[in-house]
Protein backbone atom coordinates (compact mmCIF):
# COMPACT_ATOMS: atom_id res chain seq x y z
CA MET A 1 152.23 121.81 180.86
CA THR A 2 149.17 120.24 179.24
CA HIS A 3 146.91 117.73 180.95
CA SER A 4 148.06 114.98 178.54
CA ASN A 5 151.70 115.58 179.43
CA LYS A 6 150.92 115.22 183.10
CA LEU A 7 149.45 111.78 182.48
CA LYS A 8 152.26 110.52 180.28
CA LYS A 9 153.83 107.40 181.75
CA VAL A 10 157.57 106.85 181.94
CA LYS A 11 158.63 103.87 179.83
CA ILE A 12 161.03 101.57 181.66
CA MET A 13 162.63 98.59 179.90
CA PHE A 14 164.50 95.87 181.77
CA VAL A 15 166.91 93.76 179.68
CA ILE A 16 168.14 90.47 181.15
CA ASP A 17 169.97 87.42 179.72
CA PHE A 18 167.29 84.97 180.91
CA ILE A 19 165.07 83.99 183.83
CA TYR A 20 165.04 80.27 184.63
CA LYS A 21 163.72 80.63 188.18
CA THR A 22 163.22 83.38 190.73
CA THR A 23 165.06 81.78 193.63
CA GLY A 24 168.23 83.49 192.39
CA GLY A 25 168.86 86.92 193.88
CA THR A 26 168.88 89.00 190.69
CA GLU A 27 165.82 87.40 189.09
CA ASN A 28 163.93 87.55 192.38
CA GLN A 29 164.68 91.24 192.88
CA LEU A 30 163.85 92.13 189.27
CA VAL A 31 160.44 90.47 189.45
CA LYS A 32 159.72 92.30 192.71
CA LEU A 33 160.70 95.57 191.08
CA ILE A 34 158.50 94.99 188.02
CA ASN A 35 155.46 94.01 190.09
CA ASN A 36 155.79 96.79 192.68
CA LEU A 37 156.54 99.86 190.56
CA ASP A 38 153.52 102.16 190.26
CA SER A 39 151.71 101.08 187.08
CA ASP A 40 149.94 104.45 186.98
CA LYS A 41 153.32 106.11 186.67
CA TYR A 42 155.40 103.61 184.69
CA GLU A 43 154.88 101.63 181.51
CA ILE A 44 157.07 98.57 182.01
CA TYR A 45 158.73 96.25 179.51
CA LEU A 46 160.79 93.11 180.15
CA LEU A 47 163.15 91.95 177.39
CA SER A 48 164.83 88.58 177.84
CA LEU A 49 167.63 87.70 175.44
CA ARG A 50 166.69 84.04 175.77
CA ASN A 51 163.25 82.47 176.07
CA THR A 52 162.81 80.03 178.95
CA PRO A 53 160.09 77.78 180.40
CA TRP A 54 159.76 80.20 183.34
CA ILE A 55 159.00 83.12 181.02
CA ILE A 56 156.48 81.07 179.02
CA GLU A 57 154.72 80.03 182.23
CA ASN A 58 154.83 83.37 184.08
CA ARG A 59 154.69 86.11 181.44
CA ASN A 60 151.02 86.86 182.16
CA LYS A 61 151.71 87.18 185.90
CA LEU A 62 154.13 90.09 185.46
CA LYS A 63 153.00 93.72 185.42
CA SER A 64 154.87 94.31 182.20
CA GLU A 65 154.92 93.53 178.51
CA VAL A 66 157.26 90.57 178.05
CA LYS A 67 159.34 89.94 174.93
CA ALA A 68 161.77 87.01 174.70
CA PHE A 69 164.28 86.35 171.92
CA ASN A 70 166.44 83.38 170.93
CA TYR A 71 169.89 84.82 171.56
CA ASN A 72 172.25 82.02 172.64
CA VAL A 73 173.93 83.48 175.72
CA PHE A 74 175.89 80.24 176.17
CA ASN A 75 177.51 80.34 172.71
CA HIS A 76 178.16 83.84 171.43
CA LYS A 77 179.61 82.44 168.17
CA ASP A 78 176.20 81.09 167.19
CA LEU A 79 175.46 82.66 163.77
CA GLY A 80 171.80 83.00 164.71
CA ASN A 81 172.83 85.53 167.33
CA ILE A 82 173.51 88.14 164.63
CA ILE A 83 169.88 87.99 163.50
CA SER A 84 168.70 88.01 167.12
CA PHE A 85 170.82 91.08 167.89
CA PHE A 86 169.19 93.12 165.13
CA LYS A 87 165.72 91.92 166.14
CA ILE A 88 166.47 93.00 169.71
CA THR A 89 167.70 96.40 168.52
CA LYS A 90 164.59 96.86 166.36
CA TYR A 91 162.29 96.03 169.26
CA ILE A 92 164.05 98.46 171.60
CA LYS A 93 163.74 101.18 168.96
CA GLU A 94 160.02 100.45 168.51
CA VAL A 95 159.34 100.71 172.25
CA ASN A 96 161.70 103.68 172.63
CA PRO A 97 161.95 103.49 176.44
CA ASP A 98 162.77 106.57 178.50
CA ILE A 99 165.10 104.46 180.66
CA LEU A 100 166.64 101.06 179.90
CA LEU A 101 168.30 98.88 182.54
CA THR A 102 170.53 95.86 181.88
CA TYR A 103 170.98 92.75 184.04
CA PHE A 104 173.56 89.93 183.76
CA ARG A 105 176.84 89.87 181.92
CA THR A 106 175.70 89.42 178.30
CA SER A 107 173.09 92.15 178.61
CA TYR A 108 175.64 94.51 180.13
CA ILE A 109 177.33 94.53 176.73
CA LEU A 110 174.86 93.36 174.08
CA GLY A 111 171.91 95.15 175.68
CA THR A 112 173.88 98.37 175.95
CA PHE A 113 175.10 98.31 172.34
CA ALA A 114 171.62 97.43 171.07
CA ALA A 115 170.09 100.28 173.08
CA ARG A 116 172.71 102.68 171.79
CA LEU A 117 172.02 101.66 168.17
CA ALA A 118 168.31 102.15 168.89
CA GLY A 119 169.03 105.71 170.00
CA ILE A 120 168.23 105.28 173.70
CA GLY A 121 169.86 107.99 175.81
CA ASN A 122 169.24 106.79 179.35
CA ILE A 123 170.99 103.43 179.65
CA ILE A 124 171.53 102.18 183.20
CA SER A 125 173.53 99.05 183.98
CA THR A 126 173.46 97.00 187.17
CA ARG A 127 175.96 94.99 189.20
CA ARG A 128 174.56 92.69 191.86
CA ASP A 129 177.34 90.36 192.91
CA TYR A 130 181.07 90.16 193.35
CA GLY A 131 181.51 89.41 189.65
CA LEU A 132 184.26 86.81 189.51
CA TRP A 133 183.93 87.16 185.71
CA LEU A 134 185.54 90.59 186.12
CA ASP A 135 188.88 88.77 186.13
CA ASP A 136 188.40 88.05 182.40
CA LYS A 137 190.57 90.79 180.82
CA ARG A 138 189.00 90.50 177.37
CA TYR A 139 185.50 90.80 178.81
CA ILE A 140 186.52 93.80 180.93
CA TYR A 141 187.91 95.55 177.84
CA ILE A 142 184.61 95.15 175.95
CA LEU A 143 182.61 96.03 179.07
CA LYS A 144 184.50 99.31 179.42
CA LEU A 145 183.63 100.13 175.80
CA ALA A 146 179.95 99.49 176.55
CA ASN A 147 180.19 101.56 179.72
CA LYS A 148 180.96 104.65 177.62
CA PHE A 149 177.27 104.65 176.66
CA VAL A 150 176.01 103.98 180.19
CA ARG A 151 174.66 106.88 182.21
CA GLY A 152 175.01 105.14 185.55
CA ILE A 153 175.33 101.78 187.31
CA ILE A 154 173.03 100.54 190.07
CA VAL A 155 174.63 98.26 192.67
CA ASN A 156 173.12 96.50 195.68
CA SER A 157 175.85 97.21 198.23
CA HIS A 158 178.72 99.57 198.92
CA ALA A 159 181.08 96.60 198.60
CA VAL A 160 179.93 96.05 195.00
CA LYS A 161 180.18 99.79 194.36
CA GLU A 162 183.84 99.77 195.39
CA LEU A 163 184.55 96.70 193.25
CA THR A 164 182.78 98.17 190.20
CA SER A 165 184.63 101.46 190.50
CA ARG A 166 187.98 99.73 190.91
CA LYS A 167 187.66 96.97 188.31
CA GLU A 168 185.78 98.88 185.63
CA LYS A 169 187.32 102.32 186.30
CA PHE A 170 183.80 103.74 186.37
CA ASP A 171 183.12 107.12 187.96
CA ASP A 172 181.84 106.28 191.45
CA SER A 173 179.68 109.42 191.52
CA ARG A 174 177.55 107.68 188.87
CA ILE A 175 177.30 104.40 190.81
CA TYR A 176 174.10 104.28 192.85
CA VAL A 177 173.59 101.96 195.81
CA ILE A 178 170.05 100.58 196.10
CA TYR A 179 169.73 97.74 198.58
CA ASN A 180 167.69 94.63 197.85
CA GLY A 181 164.14 94.52 199.14
CA ILE A 182 162.55 91.68 201.06
CA ASP A 183 158.86 90.85 201.66
CA ILE A 184 158.90 90.86 205.45
CA ASP A 185 155.34 89.56 205.80
CA ASN A 186 156.32 86.32 204.06
CA PHE A 187 158.60 85.33 206.94
CA LYS A 188 156.19 84.23 209.62
CA HIS A 189 156.94 81.51 212.14
CA ASN A 190 155.30 78.14 211.88
CA GLY A 191 155.82 76.00 214.97
CA ASN A 192 154.15 72.96 213.39
CA SER A 193 156.53 73.11 210.45
CA ARG A 194 159.52 73.16 212.82
CA GLU A 195 158.50 70.02 214.68
CA SER A 196 157.42 68.00 211.66
CA LEU A 197 160.54 68.93 209.65
CA LYS A 198 162.87 68.03 212.50
CA GLN A 199 161.16 64.65 212.78
CA LYS A 200 161.43 64.16 209.01
CA LEU A 201 165.19 64.83 209.12
CA GLY A 202 165.70 62.66 212.20
CA ILE A 203 166.76 65.57 214.41
CA PRO A 204 165.67 65.28 218.08
CA LEU A 205 163.31 68.13 218.97
CA ASN A 206 165.56 69.30 221.81
CA HIS A 207 168.70 69.48 219.62
CA CYS A 208 169.88 72.82 218.23
CA VAL A 209 170.24 73.38 214.49
CA VAL A 210 172.86 75.52 212.77
CA GLY A 211 171.90 76.16 209.17
CA ILE A 212 173.28 77.60 205.97
CA VAL A 213 171.41 78.50 202.76
CA ALA A 214 173.79 78.71 199.79
CA GLY A 215 174.57 77.03 196.48
CA LEU A 216 177.27 74.38 196.82
CA ARG A 217 179.98 76.35 195.01
CA PRO A 218 183.56 77.21 196.06
CA MET A 219 182.88 80.88 196.89
CA LYS A 220 180.23 79.86 199.46
CA ARG A 221 182.92 78.15 201.59
CA HIS A 222 180.93 75.20 202.91
CA VAL A 223 184.26 73.60 203.83
CA THR A 224 184.58 76.23 206.57
CA PHE A 225 181.06 75.40 207.75
CA LEU A 226 181.80 71.66 207.95
CA LYS A 227 185.14 72.09 209.69
CA ALA A 228 183.48 74.37 212.25
CA ALA A 229 180.78 71.73 212.71
CA GLY A 230 183.49 69.15 213.42
CA ARG A 231 184.99 71.35 216.13
CA ILE A 232 181.57 72.02 217.70
CA LEU A 233 180.55 68.36 217.74
CA LYS A 234 183.72 67.42 219.61
CA GLU A 235 182.42 69.54 222.50
CA LYS A 236 178.65 69.37 222.00
CA ASN A 237 177.20 66.36 220.21
CA ASN A 238 173.59 67.55 220.57
CA LYS A 239 173.91 69.90 217.58
CA HIS A 240 172.85 69.33 213.98
CA PHE A 241 173.84 71.18 210.82
CA VAL A 242 171.48 71.70 207.89
CA ILE A 243 172.72 72.69 204.42
CA VAL A 244 170.03 74.06 202.09
CA GLY A 245 171.23 74.27 198.50
CA ASP A 246 172.75 72.20 195.76
CA GLY A 247 175.61 72.41 193.31
CA PRO A 248 178.74 70.80 191.88
CA LEU A 249 180.48 70.42 195.26
CA ARG A 250 177.83 68.27 196.92
CA LYS A 251 179.62 64.94 196.55
CA ASP A 252 182.94 66.40 197.78
CA LEU A 253 181.26 68.02 200.77
CA GLU A 254 179.46 64.82 201.69
CA GLU A 255 182.80 62.98 201.54
CA LEU A 256 184.41 65.64 203.74
CA SER A 257 181.69 65.28 206.37
CA LYS A 258 182.39 61.53 206.42
CA GLU A 259 186.13 62.10 206.74
CA LEU A 260 185.46 64.45 209.68
CA GLY A 261 183.28 61.79 211.29
CA ILE A 262 180.23 64.07 211.46
CA TYR A 263 178.09 62.79 208.59
CA GLU A 264 175.26 61.67 210.90
CA HIS A 265 174.88 65.24 212.15
CA ILE A 266 175.01 66.91 208.71
CA HIS A 267 171.83 67.15 206.66
CA PHE A 268 172.19 67.92 202.94
CA VAL A 269 168.61 68.75 201.95
CA GLY A 270 169.38 70.05 198.44
CA TRP A 271 167.65 72.88 196.63
CA GLN A 272 164.29 73.77 198.16
CA ARG A 273 161.45 75.74 196.62
CA ASP A 274 160.12 76.50 200.11
CA VAL A 275 163.22 77.72 201.95
CA ILE A 276 161.12 79.36 204.67
CA SER A 277 160.03 75.96 206.01
CA TYR A 278 163.69 75.07 206.58
CA LEU A 279 164.37 78.41 208.25
CA SER A 280 161.84 77.35 210.89
CA ILE A 281 164.31 74.81 212.29
CA PHE A 282 167.38 77.10 212.32
CA ASP A 283 168.58 78.28 215.72
CA ILE A 284 171.49 80.09 214.04
CA GLY A 285 171.92 81.10 210.39
CA VAL A 286 175.43 81.11 208.93
CA ASN A 287 177.01 82.61 205.81
CA CYS A 288 180.65 81.69 205.06
CA SER A 289 181.03 83.29 201.60
CA SER A 290 184.28 84.72 200.33
CA ASN A 291 182.53 86.93 197.78
CA GLU A 292 179.06 88.29 198.37
CA GLY A 293 177.23 91.29 196.94
CA LEU A 294 174.26 91.48 199.26
CA SER A 295 173.15 88.08 200.50
CA ASN A 296 169.43 87.39 200.20
CA ALA A 297 169.95 84.39 202.49
CA ILE A 298 171.23 86.62 205.30
CA MET A 299 168.32 89.00 204.77
CA GLU A 300 165.94 86.05 205.03
CA TYR A 301 167.57 84.92 208.30
CA MET A 302 167.10 88.45 209.64
CA ALA A 303 163.48 88.72 208.51
CA TYR A 304 162.59 85.33 209.98
CA GLY A 305 164.17 86.11 213.33
CA ILE A 306 167.26 83.92 213.19
CA PRO A 307 170.47 85.22 214.83
CA CYS A 308 173.27 85.37 212.27
CA ILE A 309 176.98 84.63 212.12
CA VAL A 310 178.58 85.69 208.83
CA SER A 311 182.00 86.01 207.24
CA ARG A 312 183.66 89.39 206.94
CA ALA A 313 183.41 89.51 203.15
CA GLY A 314 181.66 91.57 200.50
CA GLY A 315 178.39 93.14 201.59
CA ASN A 316 177.89 90.86 204.61
CA GLU A 317 178.98 93.55 207.05
CA GLU A 318 176.44 95.97 205.58
CA LEU A 319 173.75 93.59 206.85
CA ILE A 320 175.32 92.29 210.05
CA LYS A 321 177.08 94.67 212.43
CA ASN A 322 179.30 92.67 214.75
CA GLY A 323 177.88 92.68 218.27
CA VAL A 324 174.86 94.77 217.26
CA ASN A 325 172.57 92.42 215.32
CA GLY A 326 174.83 89.41 214.84
CA LEU A 327 178.43 88.24 214.77
CA THR A 328 181.07 88.35 212.04
CA PHE A 329 184.02 85.99 211.78
CA GLU A 330 187.33 86.05 209.95
CA LEU A 331 186.98 84.54 206.48
CA ASP A 332 187.92 80.82 206.29
CA ASN A 333 188.60 80.69 210.05
CA ASP A 334 186.57 77.64 211.10
CA GLU A 335 187.83 77.82 214.69
CA HIS A 336 186.62 81.42 214.97
CA LEU A 337 183.23 80.39 213.56
CA ALA A 338 182.92 77.38 215.87
CA ASN A 339 183.67 79.44 218.97
CA MET A 340 181.05 82.01 217.96
CA VAL A 341 178.39 79.35 217.37
CA ILE A 342 178.98 77.77 220.79
CA MET A 343 178.98 81.15 222.52
CA LEU A 344 175.81 82.39 220.81
CA LEU A 345 173.86 79.15 221.38
CA GLU A 346 174.53 79.49 225.10
CA ASN A 347 173.50 83.16 225.33
CA ASP A 348 169.73 83.56 225.00
CA LYS A 349 169.81 87.25 225.86
CA MET A 350 172.27 88.01 223.06
CA LYS A 351 170.26 85.97 220.58
CA LYS A 352 167.11 87.90 221.45
CA GLU A 353 168.87 91.27 221.10
CA PHE A 354 170.31 90.29 217.71
CA VAL A 355 166.91 89.14 216.45
CA GLU A 356 165.17 92.36 217.53
CA SER A 357 167.89 94.58 216.04
CA SER A 358 167.89 92.66 212.76
CA ARG A 359 164.13 92.96 212.42
CA LYS A 360 164.31 96.73 212.81
CA ILE A 361 167.14 97.00 210.28
CA ILE A 362 165.20 94.94 207.73
CA GLU A 363 162.05 97.02 208.22
CA ASN A 364 163.89 100.35 207.98
CA GLU A 365 166.47 99.67 205.26
CA PHE A 366 165.71 96.48 203.34
CA SER A 367 161.96 96.30 202.79
CA VAL A 368 160.48 96.10 199.30
CA GLU A 369 158.79 99.44 199.97
CA ARG A 370 162.13 101.11 200.69
CA MET A 371 163.68 99.56 197.57
CA ILE A 372 160.82 100.85 195.37
CA GLU A 373 161.13 104.33 196.91
CA ASN A 374 164.83 104.40 196.04
CA TYR A 375 164.27 103.26 192.43
CA ASP A 376 161.43 105.75 192.05
CA ARG A 377 163.68 108.54 193.30
CA LEU A 378 166.49 107.55 190.92
CA PHE A 379 164.17 107.27 187.92
CA GLY A 380 162.77 110.71 188.77
CA SER A 381 166.23 112.24 188.83
CA ILE A 382 167.02 110.72 185.43
């Protein structure tokens, strides 16, 4: 082997539909991956099918070359997409990456076909959620055609691996589980933030807070959260419930909290850029989702030191082991959830044990460093 061959970098190209913000799980994890891969070892390219304000503003902050196109991912019948597709294919061929990875549903298909036309051999796809779009039979048919050119699929939990294998009929020996990574050092306690935020929300300093971080969408099951809150407040009226997130169900959920007679104890704070400030007031973090790949919100609870109660769904039980570092409740069972909240709030020893166990699990299995090691190992094997 010559000296020049030893120094040759591996070209990695990431293809994604768009990036509008990095608060979403996939976009957040992709940016972490790009900025933490060894730049002495990898030459990194980011291809976005659609240009966005976020890309325009942040392209120079990424440790990669960034190329954005004008493919209309919201209207695939747009005639301009044909021109964009061939421009995308040409660019991929010019770069000629050693490995190309696709993110989001349009890229799973269009990105794969473009890479194939460009002559790329190592095409890797990803699946990072419970993919409710997998119920679209026409999409699944086309996806399976694209998968014939895919060398492997990276998933972020064993639950998503099982779903991908079952729905897409993809060989599970070529589905690789790489857990999300979290920046543990970012989750430091701020006592001043806790007091000032409680005062801002009108929550007495000596009242406990049960919180949930999730978009206000049906799969997140905020109805279960509110019904559990109603049960708890019948017994203990010194509790408050904070909902961080926004979405199409907000008005309906606010109406439900009024119908339950608990509106004064429910705080809808909307989408927040600085979620960590709100974590400072949580005494318990809850996740009620019916479908979850690997919840970044739960990981953030764990990293911040918040005891967790989560639904038995998707990848939640890969993060929270019942009775070990948190509690798990039967999906949609608000009575079960309410009983667990009351029990955990009254058991300081259990809360402390859960927090300590969660911290160790995050450090050992879900750090950014561990995630990068796993990607590096997979890229090496390819």
